């Protein structure tokens, strides 16, 4: 429940912030009449994400057992790539996203292009929504209980409230710190998904190397215990992982953490060349 909650909270806040920046700037420049176009883009994106999610889940249910394992591996690998790209993208663009959006809005208003405003809102929400769909499918494959969907719904609801409070209520939170710590958390989640994808590839008969058990923590930390269940649900913990799963986990996680926590390089100012 915690992982879907935090992922949907982060993704929802990202989308809400982008839509909020668009809405606030349109109000600032006296073009609030264009907001229906923005909401149209949001609605279209939500519909697209819902259709994609239902289609993927239906396709998975129709597959035979080995094909289901392969599907789970592919979805898991896609989720790892999307989650990793998400945290590094936000780290890279966080400081410039507001100015970039303002420039795009100015261009759309100058051209009188309602389609451009629809597209801005559509792609902002669709990006976060499709990322969430792939991740949630990968998560639901590991956790079939009702807690995961409830966590996702709660995370989205809280994100909407926070986004509205920031945009319309003047609320302030340290977004830099929020995205930094949730980014670190998501990298651990992604590492667990990668190890799970390696396991699914083996069960699908496509990967049979490094299958020796690396260690067995069952006597100390059983997966069906309270803490073990919690760690399994959050980080994909396995009490007796194979060498391949451990290597996949560490080879991904360690470099990703180092790159993520490293300070971003400052972009040198462009010097004017005098003739």
C-alpha atoms as a PDB file:
ATOM      1  CA  UNK A   1       0.000   0.000   0.000  1.00  0.00           C
ATOM      2  CA  UNK A   2       2.823   2.402   0.838  1.00  0.00           C
ATOM      3  CA  UNK A   3       4.629   2.080  -2.503  1.00  0.00           C
ATOM      4  CA  UNK A   4       1.562   2.776  -4.705  1.00  0.00           C
ATOM      5  CA  UNK A   5       0.639   5.637  -2.366  1.00  0.00           C
ATOM      6  CA  UNK A   6       4.044   7.325  -2.628  1.00  0.00           C
ATOM      7  CA  UNK A   7       4.387   6.765  -6.364  1.00  0.00           C
ATOM      8  CA  UNK A   8       0.936   8.183  -7.102  1.00  0.00           C
ATOM      9  CA  UNK A   9       1.592  11.022  -4.661  1.00  0.00           C
ATOM     10  CA  UNK A  10       4.797  11.980  -6.439  1.00  0.00           C
ATOM     11  CA  UNK A  11       3.430  11.505  -9.954  1.00  0.00           C
ATOM     12  CA  UNK A  12       0.233  13.327  -9.068  1.00  0.00           C
ATOM     13  CA  UNK A  13       2.095  16.274  -7.577  1.00  0.00           C
ATOM     14  CA  UNK A  14       4.296  16.528 -10.676  1.00  0.00           C
ATOM     15  CA  UNK A  15       1.246  16.636 -12.951  1.00  0.00           C
ATOM     16  CA  UNK A  16      -0.641  18.986 -10.621  1.00  0.00           C
ATOM     17  CA  UNK A  17       2.309  21.369 -10.447  1.00  0.00           C
ATOM     18  CA  UNK A  18       2.576  21.569 -14.239  1.00  0.00           C
ATOM     19  CA  UNK A  19      -1.160  22.150 -14.666  1.00  0.00           C
ATOM     20  CA  UNK A  20      -1.045  24.626 -11.778  1.00  0.00           C
ATOM     21  CA  UNK A  21       1.791  26.590 -13.373  1.00  0.00           C
ATOM     22  CA  UNK A  22      -0.202  26.784 -16.610  1.00  0.00           C
ATOM     23  CA  UNK A  23      -3.368  27.886 -14.783  1.00  0.00           C
ATOM     24  CA  UNK A  24      -1.584  30.491 -12.651  1.00  0.00           C
ATOM     25  CA  UNK A  25       0.238  31.995 -15.622  1.00  0.00           C
ATOM     26  CA  UNK A  26      -2.918  32.185 -17.740  1.00  0.00           C
ATOM     27  CA  UNK A  27      -4.567  34.062 -14.855  1.00  0.00           C
ATOM     28  CA  UNK A  28      -1.539  36.350 -14.516  1.00  0.00           C
ATOM     29  CA  UNK A  29      -1.609  37.377 -18.184  1.00  0.00           C
ATOM     30  CA  UNK A  30      -5.401  37.736 -18.302  1.00  0.00           C
ATOM     31  CA  UNK A  31      -6.213  34.650 -20.392  1.00  0.00           C
ATOM     32  CA  UNK A  32      -8.289  32.626 -17.930  1.00  0.00           C
ATOM     33  CA  UNK A  33     -10.781  32.052 -20.751  1.00  0.00           C
ATOM     34  CA  UNK A  34      -8.294  29.526 -22.158  1.00  0.00           C
ATOM     35  CA  UNK A  35      -8.572  27.260 -19.100  1.00  0.00           C
ATOM     36  CA  UNK A  36     -11.308  25.028 -20.617  1.00  0.00           C
ATOM     37  CA  UNK A  37      -8.738  24.011 -23.247  1.00  0.00           C
ATOM     38  CA  UNK A  38      -6.300  23.081 -20.480  1.00  0.00           C
ATOM     39  CA  UNK A  39      -8.933  20.984 -18.692  1.00  0.00           C
ATOM     40  CA  UNK A  40      -9.818  19.333 -22.005  1.00  0.00           C
ATOM     41  CA  UNK A  41      -6.205  18.225 -22.331  1.00  0.00           C
ATOM     42  CA  UNK A  42      -6.253  16.875 -18.760  1.00  0.00           C
ATOM     43  CA  UNK A  43      -9.450  14.879 -19.358  1.00  0.00           C
ATOM     44  CA  UNK A  44      -8.139  13.411 -22.627  1.00  0.00           C
ATOM     45  CA  UNK A  45      -4.939  12.307 -20.873  1.00  0.00           C
ATOM     46  CA  UNK A  46      -6.854  10.669 -18.013  1.00  0.00           C
ATOM     47  CA  UNK A  47      -9.055   8.780 -20.494  1.00  0.00           C
ATOM     48  CA  UNK A  48      -5.987   7.596 -22.438  1.00  0.00           C
ATOM     49  CA  UNK A  49      -4.268   6.334 -19.281  1.00  0.00           C
ATOM     50  CA  UNK A  50      -7.405   4.493 -18.156  1.00  0.00           C
ATOM     51  CA  UNK A  51      -7.803   2.808 -21.552  1.00  0.00           C
ATOM     52  CA  UNK A  52      -4.136   1.756 -21.649  1.00  0.00           C
ATOM     53  CA  UNK A  53      -4.297   0.401 -18.100  1.00  0.00           C
ATOM     54  CA  UNK A  54      -7.434  -1.660 -18.750  1.00  0.00           C
ATOM     55  CA  UNK A  55      -6.033  -2.971 -22.050  1.00  0.00           C
ATOM     56  CA  UNK A  56      -2.754  -4.095 -20.476  1.00  0.00           C
ATOM     57  CA  UNK A  57      -4.471  -5.764 -17.539  1.00  0.00           C
ATOM     58  CA  UNK A  58      -6.935  -7.547 -19.858  1.00  0.00           C
ATOM     59  CA  UNK A  59      -4.099  -8.731 -22.108  1.00  0.00           C
ATOM     60  CA  UNK A  60      -2.216 -10.135 -19.125  1.00  0.00           C
ATOM     61  CA  UNK A  61      -5.268 -12.094 -17.968  1.00  0.00           C
ATOM     62  CA  UNK A  62      -5.579 -13.747 -21.382  1.00  0.00           C
ATOM     63  CA  UNK A  63      -1.999 -15.062 -21.521  1.00  0.00           C
ATOM     64  CA  UNK A  64      -1.046 -18.669 -20.616  1.00  0.00           C
ATOM     65  CA  UNK A  65       1.189 -19.135 -17.564  1.00  0.00           C
ATOM     66  CA  UNK A  66       4.618 -18.800 -19.194  1.00  0.00           C
ATOM     67  CA  UNK A  67       3.459 -15.899 -21.325  1.00  0.00           C
ATOM     68  CA  UNK A  68       2.156 -14.213 -18.162  1.00  0.00           C
ATOM     69  CA  UNK A  69       5.591 -14.572 -16.575  1.00  0.00           C
ATOM     70  CA  UNK A  70       7.162 -13.022 -19.680  1.00  0.00           C
ATOM     71  CA  UNK A  71       4.586 -10.221 -19.629  1.00  0.00           C
ATOM     72  CA  UNK A  72       5.367  -9.545 -15.968  1.00  0.00           C
ATOM     73  CA  UNK A  73       9.093  -9.424 -16.762  1.00  0.00           C
ATOM     74  CA  UNK A  74       8.555  -6.991 -19.646  1.00  0.00           C
ATOM     75  CA  UNK A  75       6.275  -4.756 -17.559  1.00  0.00           C
ATOM     76  CA  UNK A  76       8.746  -4.880 -14.674  1.00  0.00           C
ATOM     77  CA  UNK A  77      11.649  -3.866 -16.916  1.00  0.00           C
ATOM     78  CA  UNK A  78       9.545  -1.086 -18.443  1.00  0.00           C
ATOM     79  CA  UNK A  79       8.614   0.131 -14.960  1.00  0.00           C
ATOM     80  CA  UNK A  80      12.294   0.196 -13.942  1.00  0.00           C
ATOM     81  CA  UNK A  81      13.183   2.285 -16.986  1.00  0.00           C
ATOM     82  CA  UNK A  82      10.240   4.652 -16.537  1.00  0.00           C
ATOM     83  CA  UNK A  83      10.750   5.168 -12.802  1.00  0.00           C
ATOM     84  CA  UNK A  84      14.475   5.772 -13.256  1.00  0.00           C
ATOM     85  CA  UNK A  85      13.893   8.180 -16.108  1.00  0.00           C
ATOM     86  CA  UNK A  86      11.253   9.971 -14.056  1.00  0.00           C
ATOM     87  CA  UNK A  87      13.470  10.755 -11.077  1.00  0.00           C
ATOM     88  CA  UNK A  88      16.427  11.856 -13.190  1.00  0.00           C
ATOM     89  CA  UNK A  89      14.201  13.937 -15.502  1.00  0.00           C
ATOM     90  CA  UNK A  90      12.736  15.839 -12.558  1.00  0.00           C
ATOM     91  CA  UNK A  91      16.210  16.392 -11.102  1.00  0.00           C
ATOM     92  CA  UNK A  92      17.390  17.848 -14.418  1.00  0.00           C
ATOM     93  CA  UNK A  93      14.442  20.119 -15.270  1.00  0.00           C
ATOM     94  CA  UNK A  94      13.154  21.141 -11.839  1.00  0.00           C
ATOM     95  CA  UNK A  95      14.817  24.565 -11.921  1.00  0.00           C
ATOM     96  CA  UNK A  96      13.799  25.481 -15.468  1.00  0.00           C
ATOM     97  CA  UNK A  97      10.370  23.915 -15.892  1.00  0.00           C
ATOM     98  CA  UNK A  98       8.429  27.051 -14.889  1.00  0.00           C
ATOM     99  CA  UNK A  99      10.245  29.321 -17.324  1.00  0.00           C
ATOM    100  CA  UNK A 100       9.934  26.738 -20.090  1.00  0.00           C
ATOM    101  CA  UNK A 101       6.179  26.428 -19.581  1.00  0.00           C
ATOM    102  CA  UNK A 102       5.739  30.206 -19.519  1.00  0.00           C
ATOM    103  CA  UNK A 103       7.569  30.488 -22.827  1.00  0.00           C
ATOM    104  CA  UNK A 104       5.407  27.776 -24.393  1.00  0.00           C
ATOM    105  CA  UNK A 105       2.220  29.455 -23.144  1.00  0.00           C
ATOM    106  CA  UNK A 106       3.318  32.833 -24.532  1.00  0.00           C
ATOM    107  CA  UNK A 107       3.958  31.237 -27.914  1.00  0.00           C
ATOM    108  CA  UNK A 108       0.579  29.472 -27.895  1.00  0.00           C
ATOM    109  CA  UNK A 109      -1.290  32.669 -26.960  1.00  0.00           C
ATOM    110  CA  UNK A 110       0.573  34.706 -29.584  1.00  0.00           C
ATOM    111  CA  UNK A 111      -0.368  32.194 -32.278  1.00  0.00           C
ATOM    112  CA  UNK A 112      -3.936  31.868 -31.006  1.00  0.00           C
ATOM    113  CA  UNK A 113      -3.428  28.115 -30.877  1.00  0.00           C
ATOM    114  CA  UNK A 114      -5.933  26.418 -28.584  1.00  0.00           C
ATOM    115  CA  UNK A 115      -4.577  23.058 -29.723  1.00  0.00           C
ATOM    116  CA  UNK A 116      -1.178  23.952 -28.269  1.00  0.00           C
ATOM    117  CA  UNK A 117      -2.666  24.590 -24.819  1.00  0.00           C
ATOM    118  CA  UNK A 118      -4.633  21.344 -24.993  1.00  0.00           C
ATOM    119  CA  UNK A 119      -1.443  19.545 -25.999  1.00  0.00           C
ATOM    120  CA  UNK A 120       0.590  21.051 -23.141  1.00  0.00           C
ATOM    121  CA  UNK A 121      -1.874  19.856 -20.507  1.00  0.00           C
ATOM    122  CA  UNK A 122      -2.425  16.539 -22.295  1.00  0.00           C
ATOM    123  CA  UNK A 123       1.237  15.600 -22.534  1.00  0.00           C
ATOM    124  CA  UNK A 124       1.993  16.768 -18.965  1.00  0.00           C
ATOM    125  CA  UNK A 125      -0.732  14.566 -17.466  1.00  0.00           C
ATOM    126  CA  UNK A 126      -0.329  11.702 -19.961  1.00  0.00           C
ATOM    127  CA  UNK A 127       3.391  11.441 -19.212  1.00  0.00           C
ATOM    128  CA  UNK A 128       2.841  11.077 -15.482  1.00  0.00           C
ATOM    129  CA  UNK A 129      -0.278   8.954 -15.946  1.00  0.00           C
ATOM    130  CA  UNK A 130       1.256   6.404 -18.314  1.00  0.00           C
ATOM    131  CA  UNK A 131       4.297   6.112 -16.065  1.00  0.00           C
ATOM    132  CA  UNK A 132       1.929   5.408 -13.173  1.00  0.00           C
ATOM    133  CA  UNK A 133      -0.082   2.854 -15.178  1.00  0.00           C
ATOM    134  CA  UNK A 134       2.992   0.773 -16.025  1.00  0.00           C
ATOM    135  CA  UNK A 135       4.305   0.957 -12.473  1.00  0.00           C
ATOM    136  CA  UNK A 136       0.959   0.085 -10.889  1.00  0.00           C
ATOM    137  CA  UNK A 137       0.518  -2.938 -13.138  1.00  0.00           C
ATOM    138  CA  UNK A 138       4.000  -4.132 -12.137  1.00  0.00           C
ATOM    139  CA  UNK A 139       3.124  -3.550  -8.468  1.00  0.00           C
ATOM    140  CA  UNK A 140      -0.278  -5.220  -8.627  1.00  0.00           C
ATOM    141  CA  UNK A 141       1.384  -8.298 -10.120  1.00  0.00           C
ATOM    142  CA  UNK A 142       3.389  -8.639  -6.914  1.00  0.00           C
ATOM    143  CA  UNK A 143       0.598  -7.582  -4.532  1.00  0.00           C
ATOM    144  CA  UNK A 144      -2.875  -8.874  -5.422  1.00  0.00           C
ATOM    145  CA  UNK A 145      -4.550  -7.538  -2.280  1.00  0.00           C
ATOM    146  CA  UNK A 146      -6.937  -4.606  -2.095  1.00  0.00           C
ATOM    147  CA  UNK A 147      -4.368  -2.511  -0.217  1.00  0.00           C
ATOM    148  CA  UNK A 148      -2.371  -1.618  -3.350  1.00  0.00           C
ATOM    149  CA  UNK A 149      -5.294  -0.029  -5.278  1.00  0.00           C
ATOM    150  CA  UNK A 150      -6.416   1.759  -2.111  1.00  0.00           C
ATOM    151  CA  UNK A 151      -2.888   3.129  -1.609  1.00  0.00           C
ATOM    152  CA  UNK A 152      -2.753   4.340  -5.213  1.00  0.00           C
ATOM    153  CA  UNK A 153      -6.143   6.058  -4.919  1.00  0.00           C
ATOM    154  CA  UNK A 154      -5.160   7.731  -1.645  1.00  0.00           C
ATOM    155  CA  UNK A 155      -1.865   8.926  -3.099  1.00  0.00           C
ATOM    156  CA  UNK A 156      -3.627  10.481  -6.092  1.00  0.00           C
ATOM    157  CA  UNK A 157      -6.236  12.124  -3.863  1.00  0.00           C
ATOM    158  CA  UNK A 158      -3.595  13.638  -1.580  1.00  0.00           C
ATOM    159  CA  UNK A 159      -1.605  14.825  -4.632  1.00  0.00           C
ATOM    160  CA  UNK A 160      -4.670  16.634  -6.001  1.00  0.00           C
ATOM    161  CA  UNK A 161      -5.268  18.329  -2.648  1.00  0.00           C
ATOM    162  CA  UNK A 162      -1.608  19.387  -2.337  1.00  0.00           C
ATOM    163  CA  UNK A 163      -1.512  20.590  -5.939  1.00  0.00           C
ATOM    164  CA  UNK A 164      -4.658  22.677  -5.432  1.00  0.00           C
ATOM    165  CA  UNK A 165      -3.308  24.075  -2.141  1.00  0.00           C
ATOM    166  CA  UNK A 166      -0.051  25.130  -3.798  1.00  0.00           C
ATOM    167  CA  UNK A 167      -1.738  26.600  -6.888  1.00  0.00           C
ATOM    168  CA  UNK A 168      -4.758  28.314  -5.387  1.00  0.00           C
ATOM    169  CA  UNK A 169      -4.129  28.456  -1.655  1.00  0.00           C
ATOM    170  CA  UNK A 170      -0.580  29.756  -1.604  1.00  0.00           C
ATOM    171  CA  UNK A 171       0.670  26.733   0.344  1.00  0.00           C
ATOM    172  CA  UNK A 172       4.416  26.124   0.245  1.00  0.00           C
ATOM    173  CA  UNK A 173       6.344  22.893   0.644  1.00  0.00           C
ATOM    174  CA  UNK A 174       9.999  22.187   0.049  1.00  0.00           C
ATOM    175  CA  UNK A 175       9.544  20.523  -3.342  1.00  0.00           C
ATOM    176  CA  UNK A 176      13.274  20.120  -3.861  1.00  0.00           C
ATOM    177  CA  UNK A 177      13.594  18.057  -0.688  1.00  0.00           C
ATOM    178  CA  UNK A 178      10.361  16.167  -1.444  1.00  0.00           C
ATOM    179  CA  UNK A 179      11.489  15.097  -4.921  1.00  0.00           C
ATOM    180  CA  UNK A 180      14.982  14.256  -3.663  1.00  0.00           C
ATOM    181  CA  UNK A 181      13.880  11.855  -0.921  1.00  0.00           C
ATOM    182  CA  UNK A 182      11.052  10.301  -2.927  1.00  0.00           C
ATOM    183  CA  UNK A 183      13.541   9.894  -5.792  1.00  0.00           C
ATOM    184  CA  UNK A 184      15.901   7.895  -3.566  1.00  0.00           C
ATOM    185  CA  UNK A 185      12.981   5.779  -2.359  1.00  0.00           C
ATOM    186  CA  UNK A 186      11.834   5.128  -5.933  1.00  0.00           C
ATOM    187  CA  UNK A 187      15.314   3.945  -6.958  1.00  0.00           C
ATOM    188  CA  UNK A 188      15.153   1.279  -4.229  1.00  0.00           C
ATOM    189  CA  UNK A 189      11.696   0.285  -5.476  1.00  0.00           C
ATOM    190  CA  UNK A 190      12.988   0.121  -9.061  1.00  0.00           C
ATOM    191  CA  UNK A 191      15.872  -2.119  -7.977  1.00  0.00           C
ATOM    192  CA  UNK A 192      13.370  -4.511  -6.392  1.00  0.00           C
ATOM    193  CA  UNK A 193      11.296  -4.512  -9.584  1.00  0.00           C
ATOM    194  CA  UNK A 194      14.414  -5.318 -11.608  1.00  0.00           C
ATOM    195  CA  UNK A 195      15.227  -8.289  -9.384  1.00  0.00           C
ATOM    196  CA  UNK A 196      11.612  -9.418  -9.734  1.00  0.00           C
ATOM    197  CA  UNK A 197      11.864  -9.139 -13.529  1.00  0.00           C
ATOM    198  CA  UNK A 198      14.943 -11.382 -13.472  1.00  0.00           C
ATOM    199  CA  UNK A 199      12.945 -13.929 -11.463  1.00  0.00           C
ATOM    200  CA  UNK A 200      10.028 -13.723 -13.930  1.00  0.00           C
ATOM    201  CA  UNK A 201      12.391 -14.252 -16.868  1.00  0.00           C
ATOM    202  CA  UNK A 202      13.622 -17.442 -15.213  1.00  0.00           C
ATOM    203  CA  UNK A 203      10.072 -18.639 -14.586  1.00  0.00           C
ATOM    204  CA  UNK A 204       9.272 -17.905 -18.233  1.00  0.00           C
ATOM    205  CA  UNK A 205      12.205 -20.144 -19.232  1.00  0.00           C
ATOM    206  CA  UNK A 206      14.262 -17.350 -20.800  1.00  0.00           C
ATOM    207  CA  UNK A 207      16.947 -16.931 -18.130  1.00  0.00           C
ATOM    208  CA  UNK A 208      18.567 -19.859 -16.378  1.00  0.00           C
ATOM    209  CA  UNK A 209      21.923 -18.440 -15.344  1.00  0.00           C
ATOM    210  CA  UNK A 210      23.083 -17.529 -11.839  1.00  0.00           C
ATOM    211  CA  UNK A 211      20.236 -19.449 -10.213  1.00  0.00           C
ATOM    212  CA  UNK A 212      22.175 -20.570  -7.155  1.00  0.00           C
ATOM    213  CA  UNK A 213      20.752 -19.186  -3.918  1.00  0.00           C
ATOM    214  CA  UNK A 214      22.928 -16.276  -2.780  1.00  0.00           C
ATOM    215  CA  UNK A 215      21.832 -16.416   0.873  1.00  0.00           C
ATOM    216  CA  UNK A 216      18.830 -17.452   2.940  1.00  0.00           C
ATOM    217  CA  UNK A 217      17.444 -14.993   5.481  1.00  0.00           C
ATOM    218  CA  UNK A 218      14.338 -17.085   6.094  1.00  0.00           C
ATOM    219  CA  UNK A 219      15.284 -18.106   9.659  1.00  0.00           C
ATOM    220  CA  UNK A 220      16.068 -14.471  10.571  1.00  0.00           C
ATOM    221  CA  UNK A 221      13.627 -12.469   8.442  1.00  0.00           C
ATOM    222  CA  UNK A 222      10.906 -14.691   6.950  1.00  0.00           C
ATOM    223  CA  UNK A 223       9.038 -13.189   3.999  1.00  0.00           C
ATOM    224  CA  UNK A 224       5.686 -14.152   5.548  1.00  0.00           C
ATOM    225  CA  UNK A 225       6.433 -12.327   8.816  1.00  0.00           C
ATOM    226  CA  UNK A 226       5.231  -8.807   9.582  1.00  0.00           C
ATOM    227  CA  UNK A 227       8.499  -7.070   8.676  1.00  0.00           C
ATOM    228  CA  UNK A 228       9.172  -9.452   5.790  1.00  0.00           C
ATOM    229  CA  UNK A 229       5.721  -8.787   4.323  1.00  0.00           C
ATOM    230  CA  UNK A 230       6.296  -5.048   4.628  1.00  0.00           C
ATOM    231  CA  UNK A 231       9.703  -5.237   2.932  1.00  0.00           C
ATOM    232  CA  UNK A 232       8.321  -7.494   0.208  1.00  0.00           C
ATOM    233  CA  UNK A 233       5.506  -5.086  -0.555  1.00  0.00           C
ATOM    234  CA  UNK A 234       7.781  -2.038  -0.625  1.00  0.00           C
ATOM    235  CA  UNK A 235      11.125  -3.229  -1.970  1.00  0.00           C
ATOM    236  CA  UNK A 236      10.378  -6.654  -3.457  1.00  0.00           C
ATOM    237  CA  UNK A 237      12.262  -8.436  -0.656  1.00  0.00           C
ATOM    238  CA  UNK A 238      12.986 -12.141  -1.130  1.00  0.00           C
ATOM    239  CA  UNK A 239      14.264 -14.189   1.801  1.00  0.00           C
ATOM    240  CA  UNK A 240      16.297 -16.498  -0.475  1.00  0.00           C
ATOM    241  CA  UNK A 241      17.226 -14.573  -3.648  1.00  0.00           C
ATOM    242  CA  UNK A 242      19.355 -16.048  -6.403  1.00  0.00           C
ATOM    243  CA  UNK A 243      22.794 -14.714  -7.283  1.00  0.00           C
ATOM    244  CA  UNK A 244      21.344 -13.252 -10.493  1.00  0.00           C
ATOM    245  CA  UNK A 245      18.651 -11.333  -8.597  1.00  0.00           C
ATOM    246  CA  UNK A 246      21.176  -9.935  -6.096  1.00  0.00           C
ATOM    247  CA  UNK A 247      23.577  -8.878  -8.853  1.00  0.00           C
ATOM    248  CA  UNK A 248      20.792  -7.216 -10.844  1.00  0.00           C
ATOM    249  CA  UNK A 249      19.678  -5.347  -7.702  1.00  0.00           C
ATOM    250  CA  UNK A 250      23.134  -4.079  -6.766  1.00  0.00           C
ATOM    251  CA  UNK A 251      24.425  -3.361 -10.290  1.00  0.00           C
ATOM    252  CA  UNK A 252      21.409  -1.131 -10.854  1.00  0.00           C
ATOM    253  CA  UNK A 253      20.982   0.460  -7.436  1.00  0.00           C
ATOM    254  CA  UNK A 254      24.521   1.491  -6.494  1.00  0.00           C
ATOM    255  CA  UNK A 255      25.392   3.509  -9.647  1.00  0.00           C
ATOM    256  CA  UNK A 256      21.860   4.977  -9.770  1.00  0.00           C
ATOM    257  CA  UNK A 257      22.105   6.262  -6.190  1.00  0.00           C
ATOM    258  CA  UNK A 258      25.556   7.746  -6.778  1.00  0.00           C
ATOM    259  CA  UNK A 259      24.415   9.567  -9.920  1.00  0.00           C
ATOM    260  CA  UNK A 260      21.193  10.772  -8.308  1.00  0.00           C
ATOM    261  CA  UNK A 261      22.683  12.225  -5.133  1.00  0.00           C
ATOM    262  CA  UNK A 262      25.591  13.819  -6.998  1.00  0.00           C
ATOM    263  CA  UNK A 263      25.149  17.597  -7.341  1.00  0.00           C
ATOM    264  CA  UNK A 264      23.855  18.719 -10.698  1.00  0.00           C
ATOM    265  CA  UNK A 265      26.421  20.412 -12.873  1.00  0.00           C
ATOM    266  CA  UNK A 266      25.915  24.095 -13.233  1.00  0.00           C
ATOM    267  CA  UNK A 267      25.278  25.223 -16.805  1.00  0.00           C
ATOM    268  CA  UNK A 268      27.774  27.972 -17.664  1.00  0.00           C
ATOM    269  CA  UNK A 269      26.241  31.226 -18.866  1.00  0.00           C
ATOM    270  CA  UNK A 270      26.353  31.960 -22.575  1.00  0.00           C
ATOM    271  CA  UNK A 271      28.824  34.751 -23.279  1.00  0.00           C
ATOM    272  CA  UNK A 272      27.944  37.370 -25.782  1.00  0.00           C
ATOM    273  CA  UNK A 273      30.369  37.491 -28.676  1.00  0.00           C
ATOM    274  CA  UNK A 274      31.186  41.065 -29.659  1.00  0.00           C
ATOM    275  CA  UNK A 275      32.011  41.859 -33.220  1.00  0.00           C
END
